[in-house]
Amino acid sequence: MNDYSLEISYRRGKATAAYLDLVCRPSERSYRTTRVEPGFIIDFNRRGKPIGIEITALSKLTLRNLNRLLRDLGLPPLKRADLGPLLAA
């Protein structure tokens, strides 16, 4: 998964949101956020580098629209297997 980390949040046994950590370093902090449709919030560090993507509209999530966003950010795409747990939830 390109060293990305995926965290899924559940409420009453149902997935409600997810966070794709792009840097996997606890020292990185969000300095600014940008909302992107459909249902993404991108966190940027102080230098303007994307460090994470919050996925807030799971019902609208597709591998295609997430990979389009990653490409627009200059990052490598995910494979379907990388999102398997989230797509199954």
N, C-alpha and C. Protein backbone atom coordinates (compact mmCIF):
# COMPACT_ATOMS: atom_id res chain seq x y z
N MET A 1 0.83 -1.19 0.00
CA MET A 1 0.00 0.00 0.00
C MET A 1 0.86 1.25 0.00
N ASN A 2 2.01 1.26 -0.58
CA ASN A 2 2.83 2.46 -0.70
C ASN A 2 3.15 3.11 0.63
N ASP A 3 3.25 2.37 1.68
CA ASP A 3 3.52 2.88 3.02
C ASP A 3 2.40 3.76 3.57
N TYR A 4 1.22 3.71 2.97
CA TYR A 4 0.07 4.40 3.53
C TYR A 4 -0.52 3.54 4.64
N SER A 5 -1.25 4.18 5.52
CA SER A 5 -1.93 3.46 6.59
C SER A 5 -3.41 3.86 6.55
N LEU A 6 -4.30 2.88 6.64
CA LEU A 6 -5.73 3.14 6.57
C LEU A 6 -6.37 2.81 7.91
N GLU A 7 -7.08 3.78 8.47
CA GLU A 7 -7.78 3.59 9.74
C GLU A 7 -9.27 3.80 9.49
N ILE A 8 -10.08 2.83 9.93
CA ILE A 8 -11.52 2.91 9.71
C ILE A 8 -12.21 3.13 11.04
N SER A 9 -13.14 4.07 11.08
CA SER A 9 -13.93 4.35 12.28
C SER A 9 -15.30 3.71 12.14
N TYR A 10 -15.75 3.06 13.22
CA TYR A 10 -17.03 2.37 13.23
C TYR A 10 -17.94 2.98 14.30
N ARG A 11 -19.22 2.91 14.05
CA ARG A 11 -20.21 3.29 15.05
C ARG A 11 -21.33 2.26 14.97
N ARG A 12 -21.57 1.62 16.10
CA ARG A 12 -22.58 0.55 16.17
C ARG A 12 -22.34 -0.52 15.10
N GLY A 13 -21.07 -0.87 14.92
CA GLY A 13 -20.70 -1.93 14.00
C GLY A 13 -20.69 -1.56 12.53
N LYS A 14 -20.94 -0.29 12.21
CA LYS A 14 -20.98 0.15 10.82
C LYS A 14 -19.89 1.18 10.58
N ALA A 15 -19.16 1.03 9.47
CA ALA A 15 -18.11 1.99 9.13
C ALA A 15 -18.74 3.35 8.87
N THR A 16 -18.16 4.39 9.48
CA THR A 16 -18.71 5.74 9.32
C THR A 16 -17.73 6.70 8.65
N ALA A 17 -16.45 6.45 8.76
CA ALA A 17 -15.42 7.32 8.17
C ALA A 17 -14.11 6.54 8.11
N ALA A 18 -13.16 7.10 7.41
CA ALA A 18 -11.84 6.47 7.34
C ALA A 18 -10.79 7.57 7.18
N TYR A 19 -9.56 7.21 7.54
CA TYR A 19 -8.45 8.15 7.39
C TYR A 19 -7.29 7.43 6.73
N LEU A 20 -6.84 7.98 5.63
CA LEU A 20 -5.69 7.44 4.91
C LEU A 20 -4.48 8.29 5.28
N ASP A 21 -3.61 7.72 6.10
CA ASP A 21 -2.40 8.41 6.55
C ASP A 21 -1.34 8.24 5.47
N LEU A 22 -0.89 9.34 4.92
CA LEU A 22 0.02 9.30 3.78
C LEU A 22 1.49 9.28 4.17
N VAL A 23 1.81 9.64 5.40
CA VAL A 23 3.22 9.73 5.79
C VAL A 23 3.59 8.77 6.92
N CYS A 24 2.64 8.33 7.68
CA CYS A 24 2.87 7.35 8.76
C CYS A 24 3.94 7.79 9.75
N ARG A 25 4.01 9.07 10.02
CA ARG A 25 4.93 9.60 11.03
C ARG A 25 4.13 10.37 12.05
N PRO A 26 4.14 9.92 13.31
CA PRO A 26 3.34 10.61 14.32
C PRO A 26 3.76 12.06 14.55
N SER A 27 4.96 12.42 14.16
CA SER A 27 5.44 13.79 14.38
C SER A 27 4.80 14.80 13.42
N GLU A 28 4.25 14.32 12.30
CA GLU A 28 3.61 15.23 11.34
C GLU A 28 2.28 15.72 11.91
N ARG A 29 2.04 17.01 11.78
CA ARG A 29 0.81 17.62 12.27
C ARG A 29 0.12 18.36 11.14
N SER A 30 -1.19 18.35 11.18
CA SER A 30 -1.97 19.08 10.19
C SER A 30 -1.92 20.57 10.49
N TYR A 31 -1.62 21.33 9.47
CA TYR A 31 -1.54 22.79 9.59
C TYR A 31 -2.72 23.44 8.87
N ARG A 32 -3.18 22.78 7.79
CA ARG A 32 -4.26 23.32 6.99
C ARG A 32 -5.04 22.17 6.38
N THR A 33 -6.34 22.36 6.17
CA THR A 33 -7.16 21.33 5.54
C THR A 33 -7.90 21.92 4.34
N THR A 34 -8.22 21.04 3.41
CA THR A 34 -8.99 21.42 2.23
C THR A 34 -10.05 20.36 1.99
N ARG A 35 -11.28 20.79 1.79
CA ARG A 35 -12.38 19.87 1.49
C ARG A 35 -12.46 19.67 -0.02
N VAL A 36 -12.57 18.40 -0.43
CA VAL A 36 -12.67 18.04 -1.84
C VAL A 36 -13.84 17.07 -1.98
N GLU A 37 -14.68 17.32 -2.96
CA GLU A 37 -15.82 16.42 -3.19
C GLU A 37 -15.39 15.24 -4.04
N PRO A 38 -15.96 14.08 -3.88
CA PRO A 38 -17.05 13.75 -2.98
C PRO A 38 -16.56 13.19 -1.65
N GLY A 39 -16.63 13.95 -0.60
CA GLY A 39 -16.40 13.45 0.74
C GLY A 39 -14.97 13.24 1.19
N PHE A 40 -14.04 14.09 0.75
CA PHE A 40 -12.65 13.99 1.20
C PHE A 40 -12.24 15.29 1.89
N ILE A 41 -11.42 15.15 2.92
CA ILE A 41 -10.78 16.29 3.56
C ILE A 41 -9.29 15.99 3.58
N ILE A 42 -8.49 16.85 2.94
CA ILE A 42 -7.06 16.62 2.85
C ILE A 42 -6.37 17.45 3.93
N ASP A 43 -5.48 16.80 4.68
CA ASP A 43 -4.66 17.49 5.68
C ASP A 43 -3.29 17.77 5.07
N PHE A 44 -2.81 19.00 5.26
CA PHE A 44 -1.49 19.40 4.78
C PHE A 44 -0.63 19.82 5.96
N ASN A 45 0.67 19.55 5.88
CA ASN A 45 1.57 20.00 6.94
C ASN A 45 1.95 21.46 6.70
N ARG A 46 2.81 21.98 7.52
CA ARG A 46 3.19 23.40 7.46
C ARG A 46 3.86 23.75 6.12
N ARG A 47 4.53 22.78 5.50
CA ARG A 47 5.21 23.01 4.23
C ARG A 47 4.29 22.83 3.01
N GLY A 48 3.02 22.49 3.26
CA GLY A 48 2.06 22.32 2.17
C GLY A 48 2.02 20.93 1.59
N LYS A 49 2.71 19.97 2.22
CA LYS A 49 2.72 18.59 1.74
C LYS A 49 1.49 17.86 2.29
N PRO A 50 0.77 17.10 1.44
CA PRO A 50 -0.38 16.35 1.95
C PRO A 50 0.09 15.23 2.88
N ILE A 51 -0.55 15.14 4.05
CA ILE A 51 -0.14 14.13 5.02
C ILE A 51 -1.25 13.13 5.33
N GLY A 52 -2.47 13.43 4.93
CA GLY A 52 -3.57 12.51 5.19
C GLY A 52 -4.83 12.92 4.48
N ILE A 53 -5.70 11.92 4.28
CA ILE A 53 -6.99 12.17 3.64
C ILE A 53 -8.08 11.54 4.51
N GLU A 54 -8.98 12.38 4.99
CA GLU A 54 -10.15 11.88 5.71
C GLU A 54 -11.24 11.59 4.69
N ILE A 55 -11.82 10.41 4.81
CA ILE A 55 -12.88 9.99 3.88
C ILE A 55 -14.18 10.03 4.68
N THR A 56 -15.02 11.01 4.38
CA THR A 56 -16.22 11.24 5.19
C THR A 56 -17.50 10.72 4.55
N ALA A 57 -17.50 10.47 3.25
CA ALA A 57 -18.69 9.99 2.55
C ALA A 57 -18.39 8.59 2.00
N LEU A 58 -18.42 7.60 2.88
CA LEU A 58 -18.06 6.25 2.46
C LEU A 58 -18.98 5.71 1.37
N SER A 59 -20.22 6.13 1.36
CA SER A 59 -21.15 5.63 0.35
C SER A 59 -20.79 6.12 -1.05
N LYS A 60 -20.02 7.20 -1.15
CA LYS A 60 -19.62 7.74 -2.45
C LYS A 60 -18.19 7.35 -2.83
N LEU A 61 -17.50 6.63 -1.95
CA LEU A 61 -16.10 6.28 -2.19
C LEU A 61 -15.97 5.24 -3.29
N THR A 62 -15.09 5.54 -4.24
CA THR A 62 -14.68 4.54 -5.23
C THR A 62 -13.16 4.59 -5.32
N LEU A 63 -12.59 3.49 -5.72
CA LEU A 63 -11.15 3.44 -5.91
C LEU A 63 -10.74 4.47 -6.97
N ARG A 64 -11.57 4.62 -7.96
CA ARG A 64 -11.26 5.55 -9.04
C ARG A 64 -11.18 7.00 -8.56
N ASN A 65 -12.17 7.45 -7.76
CA ASN A 65 -12.11 8.85 -7.34
C ASN A 65 -11.03 9.10 -6.30
N LEU A 66 -10.71 8.09 -5.49
CA LEU A 66 -9.61 8.25 -4.54
C LEU A 66 -8.28 8.29 -5.27
N ASN A 67 -8.10 7.42 -6.25
CA ASN A 67 -6.85 7.43 -7.02
C ASN A 67 -6.70 8.70 -7.85
N ARG A 68 -7.80 9.26 -8.32
CA ARG A 68 -7.74 10.54 -9.03
C ARG A 68 -7.23 11.63 -8.09
N LEU A 69 -7.73 11.64 -6.86
CA LEU A 69 -7.27 12.61 -5.88
C LEU A 69 -5.79 12.41 -5.56
N LEU A 70 -5.37 11.16 -5.36
CA LEU A 70 -3.96 10.89 -5.09
C LEU A 70 -3.08 11.36 -6.25
N ARG A 71 -3.52 11.08 -7.46
CA ARG A 71 -2.77 11.52 -8.65
C ARG A 71 -2.66 13.04 -8.68
N ASP A 72 -3.77 13.73 -8.39
CA ASP A 72 -3.75 15.20 -8.38
C ASP A 72 -2.79 15.74 -7.32
N LEU A 73 -2.58 14.97 -6.26
CA LEU A 73 -1.65 15.37 -5.20
C LEU A 73 -0.21 14.93 -5.49
N GLY A 74 0.00 14.24 -6.62
CA GLY A 74 1.34 13.78 -6.98
C GLY A 74 1.78 12.54 -6.22
N LEU A 75 0.79 11.73 -5.80
CA LEU A 75 1.09 10.54 -5.00
C LEU A 75 0.74 9.28 -5.77
N PRO A 76 1.37 8.15 -5.42
CA PRO A 76 1.07 6.90 -6.12
C PRO A 76 -0.33 6.39 -5.80
N PRO A 77 -0.94 5.69 -6.74
CA PRO A 77 -2.30 5.19 -6.55
C PRO A 77 -2.35 3.97 -5.63
N LEU A 78 -3.56 3.68 -5.19
CA LEU A 78 -3.82 2.48 -4.40
C LEU A 78 -4.30 1.37 -5.33
N LYS A 79 -4.21 0.14 -4.85
CA LYS A 79 -4.78 -1.00 -5.55
C LYS A 79 -6.08 -1.37 -4.84
N ARG A 80 -6.95 -2.07 -5.52
CA ARG A 80 -8.23 -2.47 -4.92
C ARG A 80 -8.01 -3.21 -3.61
N ALA A 81 -7.00 -4.05 -3.53
CA ALA A 81 -6.72 -4.81 -2.31
C ALA A 81 -6.37 -3.90 -1.14
N ASP A 82 -5.78 -2.74 -1.43
CA ASP A 82 -5.42 -1.79 -0.37
C ASP A 82 -6.66 -1.25 0.32
N LEU A 83 -7.75 -1.13 -0.40
CA LEU A 83 -9.00 -0.62 0.17
C LEU A 83 -9.96 -1.74 0.56
N GLY A 84 -9.53 -2.97 0.42
CA GLY A 84 -10.40 -4.12 0.69
C GLY A 84 -11.17 -4.02 1.99
N PRO A 85 -10.49 -3.77 3.13
CA PRO A 85 -11.24 -3.70 4.38
C PRO A 85 -12.30 -2.60 4.39
N LEU A 86 -12.01 -1.51 3.75
CA LEU A 86 -12.96 -0.39 3.74
C LEU A 86 -14.12 -0.68 2.80
N LEU A 87 -13.85 -1.23 1.64
CA LEU A 87 -14.91 -1.54 0.69
C LEU A 87 -15.80 -2.66 1.22
N ALA A 88 -15.26 -3.54 2.05
CA ALA A 88 -16.05 -4.62 2.64
C ALA A 88 -16.89 -4.15 3.81
N ALA A 89 -16.48 -3.03 4.42
CA ALA A 89 -17.18 -2.55 5.63
C ALA A 89 -18.47 -1.96 5.30
